[in-house]
Amino acid sequence: MSGIHAVRVAARLRRELKTEVDLVKGRYGEFKILVDDKVVIDGGALVTLGIMPSGRKIVDTLRPLISSR
């Protein structure tokens, strides 16, 4: 599930924020988003249960970080 979610979120970030996105395979139950090598979103333990951060939350969190670059 997290792999599919990551691909969808990456596509959404490319489309909505017009930014380049690199997907890096992590360990099982790991979902993190980094900006300039700093973790800005960490799915935490809930990811192992299949509960992922929503696409909207991710875009809303990243929008000010990306636009200020």
PDB file of N, CA and C in Angstrom:
ATOM      1  N   MET A   1       0.817  -1.202   0.000  1.00  0.00           N
ATOM      2  CA  MET A   1       0.000   0.000   0.000  1.00  0.00           C
ATOM      3  C   MET A   1       0.857   1.262   0.000  1.00  0.00           C
ATOM      4  N   SER A   2       1.884   1.313   0.809  1.00  0.00           N
ATOM      5  CA  SER A   2       2.656   2.549   0.917  1.00  0.00           C
ATOM      6  C   SER A   2       3.354   2.890  -0.401  1.00  0.00           C
ATOM      7  N   GLY A   3       3.747   1.874  -1.168  1.00  0.00           N
ATOM      8  CA  GLY A   3       4.382   2.130  -2.451  1.00  0.00           C
ATOM      9  C   GLY A   3       3.433   2.808  -3.426  1.00  0.00           C
ATOM     10  N   ILE A   4       2.208   2.341  -3.473  1.00  0.00           N
ATOM     11  CA  ILE A   4       1.195   2.937  -4.344  1.00  0.00           C
ATOM     12  C   ILE A   4       0.889   4.359  -3.894  1.00  0.00           C
ATOM     13  N   HIS A   5       0.751   4.539  -2.589  1.00  0.00           N
ATOM     14  CA  HIS A   5       0.473   5.873  -2.039  1.00  0.00           C
ATOM     15  C   HIS A   5       1.620   6.824  -2.374  1.00  0.00           C
ATOM     16  N   ALA A   6       2.834   6.357  -2.240  1.00  0.00           N
ATOM     17  CA  ALA A   6       4.005   7.194  -2.529  1.00  0.00           C
ATOM     18  C   ALA A   6       4.014   7.630  -3.991  1.00  0.00           C
ATOM     19  N   VAL A   7       3.698   6.734  -4.891  1.00  0.00           N
ATOM     20  CA  VAL A   7       3.672   7.068  -6.322  1.00  0.00           C
ATOM     21  C   VAL A   7       2.582   8.097  -6.602  1.00  0.00           C
ATOM     22  N   ARG A   8       1.420   7.908  -5.993  1.00  0.00           N
ATOM     23  CA  ARG A   8       0.323   8.863  -6.197  1.00  0.00           C
ATOM     24  C   ARG A   8       0.663  10.235  -5.632  1.00  0.00           C
ATOM     25  N   VAL A   9       1.251  10.255  -4.443  1.00  0.00           N
ATOM     26  CA  VAL A   9       1.628  11.533  -3.826  1.00  0.00           C
ATOM     27  C   VAL A   9       2.702  12.224  -4.664  1.00  0.00           C
ATOM     28  N   ALA A  10       3.674  11.470  -5.150  1.00  0.00           N
ATOM     29  CA  ALA A  10       4.728  12.048  -5.985  1.00  0.00           C
ATOM     30  C   ALA A  10       4.129  12.689  -7.232  1.00  0.00           C
ATOM     31  N   ALA A  11       3.193  12.007  -7.867  1.00  0.00           N
ATOM     32  CA  ALA A  11       2.542  12.555  -9.062  1.00  0.00           C
ATOM     33  C   ALA A  11       1.769  13.825  -8.724  1.00  0.00           C
ATOM     34  N   ARG A  12       1.112  13.816  -7.591  1.00  0.00           N
ATOM     35  CA  ARG A  12       0.343  14.991  -7.166  1.00  0.00           C
ATOM     36  C   ARG A  12       1.265  16.183  -6.886  1.00  0.00           C
ATOM     37  N   LEU A  13       2.398  15.923  -6.254  1.00  0.00           N
ATOM     38  CA  LEU A  13       3.350  16.993  -5.967  1.00  0.00           C
ATOM     39  C   LEU A  13       3.914  17.576  -7.257  1.00  0.00           C
ATOM     40  N   ARG A  14       4.212  16.699  -8.201  1.00  0.00           N
ATOM     41  CA  ARG A  14       4.710  17.183  -9.493  1.00  0.00           C
ATOM     42  C   ARG A  14       3.670  18.061 -10.178  1.00  0.00           C
ATOM     43  N   ARG A  15       2.425  17.610 -10.140  1.00  0.00           N
ATOM     44  CA  ARG A  15       1.343  18.305 -10.826  1.00  0.00           C
ATOM     45  C   ARG A  15       0.965  19.617 -10.124  1.00  0.00           C
ATOM     46  N   GLU A  16       0.745  19.568  -8.813  1.00  0.00           N
ATOM     47  CA  GLU A  16       0.227  20.735  -8.094  1.00  0.00           C
ATOM     48  C   GLU A  16       1.300  21.736  -7.694  1.00  0.00           C
ATOM     49  N   LEU A  17       2.489  21.251  -7.344  1.00  0.00           N
ATOM     50  CA  LEU A  17       3.538  22.150  -6.878  1.00  0.00           C
ATOM     51  C   LEU A  17       4.635  22.376  -7.909  1.00  0.00           C
ATOM     52  N   LYS A  18       4.500  21.695  -9.053  1.00  0.00           N
ATOM     53  CA  LYS A  18       5.492  21.845 -10.141  1.00  0.00           C
ATOM     54  C   LYS A  18       6.918  21.662  -9.622  1.00  0.00           C
ATOM     55  N   THR A  19       7.119  20.590  -8.872  1.00  0.00           N
ATOM     56  CA  THR A  19       8.432  20.332  -8.288  1.00  0.00           C
ATOM     57  C   THR A  19       8.918  18.943  -8.664  1.00  0.00           C
ATOM     58  N   GLU A  20      10.210  18.775  -8.664  1.00  0.00           N
ATOM     59  CA  GLU A  20      10.800  17.471  -8.959  1.00  0.00           C
ATOM     60  C   GLU A  20      10.730  16.619  -7.697  1.00  0.00           C
ATOM     61  N   VAL A  21      10.446  15.347  -7.880  1.00  0.00           N
ATOM     62  CA  VAL A  21      10.285  14.418  -6.762  1.00  0.00           C
ATOM     63  C   VAL A  21      11.103  13.171  -7.042  1.00  0.00           C
ATOM     64  N   ASP A  22      11.845  12.716  -6.052  1.00  0.00           N
ATOM     65  CA  ASP A  22      12.574  11.453  -6.148  1.00  0.00           C
ATOM     66  C   ASP A  22      11.959  10.478  -5.166  1.00  0.00           C
ATOM     67  N   LEU A  23      11.651   9.287  -5.638  1.00  0.00           N
ATOM     68  CA  LEU A  23      11.153   8.234  -4.753  1.00  0.00           C
ATOM     69  C   LEU A  23      12.316   7.339  -4.375  1.00  0.00           C
ATOM     70  N   VAL A  24      12.430   7.062  -3.095  1.00  0.00           N
ATOM     71  CA  VAL A  24      13.487   6.196  -2.593  1.00  0.00           C
ATOM     72  C   VAL A  24      12.820   5.108  -1.765  1.00  0.00           C
ATOM     73  N   LYS A  25      13.100   3.876  -2.121  1.00  0.00           N
ATOM     74  CA  LYS A  25      12.501   2.759  -1.391  1.00  0.00           C
ATOM     75  C   LYS A  25      13.093   2.692   0.011  1.00  0.00           C
ATOM     76  N   GLY A  26      12.209   2.616   0.987  1.00  0.00           N
ATOM     77  CA  GLY A  26      12.630   2.529   2.388  1.00  0.00           C
ATOM     78  C   GLY A  26      12.318   1.160   2.955  1.00  0.00           C
ATOM     79  N   ARG A  27      12.409   1.068   4.244  1.00  0.00           N
ATOM     80  CA  ARG A  27      12.077  -0.191   4.932  1.00  0.00           C
ATOM     81  C   ARG A  27      10.566  -0.355   4.987  1.00  0.00           C
ATOM     82  N   TYR A  28      10.133  -1.562   5.292  1.00  0.00           N
ATOM     83  CA  TYR A  28       8.708  -1.830   5.442  1.00  0.00           C
ATOM     84  C   TYR A  28       8.148  -0.919   6.537  1.00  0.00           C
ATOM     85  N   GLY A  29       7.020  -0.292   6.274  1.00  0.00           N
ATOM     86  CA  GLY A  29       6.374   0.554   7.269  1.00  0.00           C
ATOM     87  C   GLY A  29       6.999   1.926   7.407  1.00  0.00           C
ATOM     88  N   GLU A  30       7.793   2.325   6.428  1.00  0.00           N
ATOM     89  CA  GLU A  30       8.435   3.628   6.492  1.00  0.00           C
ATOM     90  C   GLU A  30       7.840   4.532   5.415  1.00  0.00           C
ATOM     91  N   PHE A  31       7.419   5.718   5.798  1.00  0.00           N
ATOM     92  CA  PHE A  31       6.921   6.706   4.851  1.00  0.00           C
ATOM     93  C   PHE A  31       7.377   8.066   5.344  1.00  0.00           C
ATOM     94  N   LYS A  32       8.364   8.622   4.674  1.00  0.00           N
ATOM     95  CA  LYS A  32       8.915   9.920   5.055  1.00  0.00           C
ATOM     96  C   LYS A  32       9.018  10.795   3.822  1.00  0.00           C
ATOM     97  N   ILE A  33       8.856  12.086   4.037  1.00  0.00           N
ATOM     98  CA  ILE A  33       9.063  13.055   2.975  1.00  0.00           C
ATOM     99  C   ILE A  33      10.129  14.017   3.457  1.00  0.00           C
ATOM    100  N   LEU A  34      11.149  14.157   2.616  1.00  0.00           N
ATOM    101  CA  LEU A  34      12.269  15.033   2.941  1.00  0.00           C
ATOM    102  C   LEU A  34      12.307  16.201   1.970  1.00  0.00           C
ATOM    103  N   VAL A  35      12.661  17.360   2.482  1.00  0.00           N
ATOM    104  CA  VAL A  35      12.908  18.539   1.664  1.00  0.00           C
ATOM    105  C   VAL A  35      14.285  19.031   2.056  1.00  0.00           C
ATOM    106  N   ASP A  36      15.162  19.125   1.080  1.00  0.00           N
ATOM    107  CA  ASP A  36      16.551  19.517   1.332  1.00  0.00           C
ATOM    108  C   ASP A  36      17.184  18.650   2.421  1.00  0.00           C
ATOM    109  N   ASP A  37      16.970  17.346   2.321  1.00  0.00           N
ATOM    110  CA  ASP A  37      17.523  16.338   3.227  1.00  0.00           C
ATOM    111  C   ASP A  37      17.028  16.443   4.663  1.00  0.00           C
ATOM    112  N   LYS A  38      15.937  17.160   4.906  1.00  0.00           N
ATOM    113  CA  LYS A  38      15.339  17.254   6.239  1.00  0.00           C
ATOM    114  C   LYS A  38      13.963  16.619   6.200  1.00  0.00           C
ATOM    115  N   VAL A  39      13.664  15.764   7.183  1.00  0.00           N
ATOM    116  CA  VAL A  39      12.362  15.114   7.252  1.00  0.00           C
ATOM    117  C   VAL A  39      11.314  16.153   7.631  1.00  0.00           C
ATOM    118  N   VAL A  40      10.311  16.316   6.771  1.00  0.00           N
ATOM    119  CA  VAL A  40       9.228  17.247   7.064  1.00  0.00           C
ATOM    120  C   VAL A  40       7.914  16.518   7.337  1.00  0.00           C
ATOM    121  N   ILE A  41       7.811  15.283   6.882  1.00  0.00           N
ATOM    122  CA  ILE A  41       6.651  14.440   7.181  1.00  0.00           C
ATOM    123  C   ILE A  41       7.160  13.041   7.451  1.00  0.00           C
ATOM    124  N   ASP A  42       6.727  12.490   8.572  1.00  0.00           N
ATOM    125  CA  ASP A  42       7.084  11.123   8.950  1.00  0.00           C
ATOM    126  C   ASP A  42       5.785  10.410   9.323  1.00  0.00           C
ATOM    127  N   GLY A  43       5.452   9.391   8.565  1.00  0.00           N
ATOM    128  CA  GLY A  43       4.213   8.659   8.801  1.00  0.00           C
ATOM    129  C   GLY A  43       4.178   7.957  10.145  1.00  0.00           C
ATOM    130  N   GLY A  44       5.348   7.667  10.692  1.00  0.00           N
ATOM    131  CA  GLY A  44       5.426   7.046  12.006  1.00  0.00           C
ATOM    132  C   GLY A  44       4.879   5.631  12.044  1.00  0.00           C
ATOM    133  N   ALA A  45       4.502   5.217  13.232  1.00  0.00           N
ATOM    134  CA  ALA A  45       4.050   3.842  13.464  1.00  0.00           C
ATOM    135  C   ALA A  45       2.733   3.530  12.764  1.00  0.00           C
ATOM    136  N   LEU A  46       1.913   4.534  12.500  1.00  0.00           N
ATOM    137  CA  LEU A  46       0.623   4.285  11.854  1.00  0.00           C
ATOM    138  C   LEU A  46       0.771   3.714  10.451  1.00  0.00           C
ATOM    139  N   VAL A  47       1.905   3.985   9.815  1.00  0.00           N
ATOM    140  CA  VAL A  47       2.126   3.479   8.462  1.00  0.00           C
ATOM    141  C   VAL A  47       2.135   1.954   8.456  1.00  0.00           C
ATOM    142  N   THR A  48       2.670   1.336   9.495  1.00  0.00           N
ATOM    143  CA  THR A  48       2.692  -0.134   9.545  1.00  0.00           C
ATOM    144  C   THR A  48       1.278  -0.698   9.605  1.00  0.00           C
ATOM    145  N   LEU A  49       0.318   0.115  10.024  1.00  0.00           N
ATOM    146  CA  LEU A  49      -1.085  -0.302  10.057  1.00  0.00           C
ATOM    147  C   LEU A  49      -1.817   0.078   8.776  1.00  0.00           C
ATOM    148  N   GLY A  50      -1.105   0.698   7.842  1.00  0.00           N
ATOM    149  CA  GLY A  50      -1.711   1.093   6.575  1.00  0.00           C
ATOM    150  C   GLY A  50      -2.355   2.465   6.598  1.00  0.00           C
ATOM    151  N   ILE A  51      -2.109   3.233   7.661  1.00  0.00           N
ATOM    152  CA  ILE A  51      -2.675   4.577   7.768  1.00  0.00           C
ATOM    153  C   ILE A  51      -1.615   5.573   7.330  1.00  0.00           C
ATOM    154  N   MET A  52      -1.846   6.167   6.169  1.00  0.00           N
ATOM    155  CA  MET A  52      -0.864   7.054   5.555  1.00  0.00           C
ATOM    156  C   MET A  52      -1.288   8.510   5.706  1.00  0.00           C
ATOM    157  N   PRO A  53      -0.329   9.421   5.692  1.00  0.00           N
ATOM    158  CA  PRO A  53      -0.694  10.840   5.655  1.00  0.00           C
ATOM    159  C   PRO A  53      -1.458  11.116   4.359  1.00  0.00           C
ATOM    160  N   SER A  54      -2.496  11.924   4.442  1.00  0.00           N
ATOM    161  CA  SER A  54      -3.313  12.188   3.258  1.00  0.00           C
ATOM    162  C   SER A  54      -2.548  13.043   2.250  1.00  0.00           C
ATOM    163  N   GLY A  55      -2.919  12.893   1.010  1.00  0.00           N
ATOM    164  CA  GLY A  55      -2.315  13.695  -0.037  1.00  0.00           C
ATOM    165  C   GLY A  55      -2.517  15.177   0.208  1.00  0.00           C
ATOM    166  N   ARG A  56      -3.699  15.557   0.667  1.00  0.00           N
ATOM    167  CA  ARG A  56      -3.997  16.965   0.952  1.00  0.00           C
ATOM    168  C   ARG A  56      -3.081  17.494   2.051  1.00  0.00           C
ATOM    169  N   LYS A  57      -2.914  16.710   3.135  1.00  0.00           N
ATOM    170  CA  LYS A  57      -2.042  17.144   4.237  1.00  0.00           C
ATOM    171  C   LYS A  57      -0.606  17.318   3.737  1.00  0.00           C
ATOM    172  N   ILE A  58      -0.161  16.406   2.908  1.00  0.00           N
ATOM    173  CA  ILE A  58       1.205  16.466   2.390  1.00  0.00           C
ATOM    174  C   ILE A  58       1.388  17.715   1.524  1.00  0.00           C
ATOM    175  N   VAL A  59       0.461  17.959   0.611  1.00  0.00           N
ATOM    176  CA  VAL A  59       0.560  19.127  -0.265  1.00  0.00           C
ATOM    177  C   VAL A  59       0.506  20.411   0.564  1.00  0.00           C
ATOM    178  N   ASP A  60      -0.412  20.476   1.524  1.00  0.00           N
ATOM    179  CA  ASP A  60      -0.535  21.674   2.355  1.00  0.00           C
ATOM    180  C   ASP A  60       0.715  21.928   3.185  1.00  0.00           C
ATOM    181  N   THR A  61       1.361  20.865   3.648  1.00  0.00           N
ATOM    182  CA  THR A  61       2.590  21.001   4.430  1.00  0.00           C
ATOM    183  C   THR A  61       3.755  21.450   3.553  1.00  0.00           C
ATOM    184  N   LEU A  62       3.827  20.895   2.353  1.00  0.00           N
ATOM    185  CA  LEU A  62       4.969  21.182   1.483  1.00  0.00           C
ATOM    186  C   LEU A  62       4.849  22.481   0.689  1.00  0.00           C
ATOM    187  N   ARG A  63       3.643  22.939   0.448  1.00  0.00           N
ATOM    188  CA  ARG A  63       3.449  24.133  -0.392  1.00  0.00           C
ATOM    189  C   ARG A  63       4.299  25.325   0.076  1.00  0.00           C
ATOM    190  N   PRO A  64       4.257  25.716   1.350  1.00  0.00           N
ATOM    191  CA  PRO A  64       5.091  26.872   1.740  1.00  0.00           C
ATOM    192  C   PRO A  64       6.589  26.582   1.692  1.00  0.00           C
ATOM    193  N   LEU A  65       6.969  25.340   1.911  1.00  0.00           N
ATOM    194  CA  LEU A  65       8.393  24.983   1.871  1.00  0.00           C
ATOM    195  C   LEU A  65       8.923  25.033   0.449  1.00  0.00           C
ATOM    196  N   ILE A  66       8.121  24.571  -0.492  1.00  0.00           N
ATOM    197  CA  ILE A  66       8.545  24.537  -1.886  1.00  0.00           C
ATOM    198  C   ILE A  66       8.515  25.938  -2.488  1.00  0.00           C
ATOM    199  N   SER A  67       7.481  26.712  -2.168  1.00  0.00           N
ATOM    200  CA  SER A  67       7.368  28.044  -2.771  1.00  0.00           C
ATOM    201  C   SER A  67       8.436  29.012  -2.271  1.00  0.00           C
ATOM    202  N   SER A  68       9.015  28.736  -1.099  1.00  0.00           N
ATOM    203  CA  SER A  68      10.038  29.628  -0.554  1.00  0.00           C
ATOM    204  C   SER A  68      11.443  29.304  -1.081  1.00  0.00           C
ATOM    205  N   ARG A  69      11.565  28.267  -1.898  1.00  0.00           N
ATOM    206  CA  ARG A  69      12.874  27.872  -2.429  1.00  0.00           C
ATOM    207  C   ARG A  69      13.259  28.691  -3.612  1.00  0.00           C
TER     208      ARG A  69
END
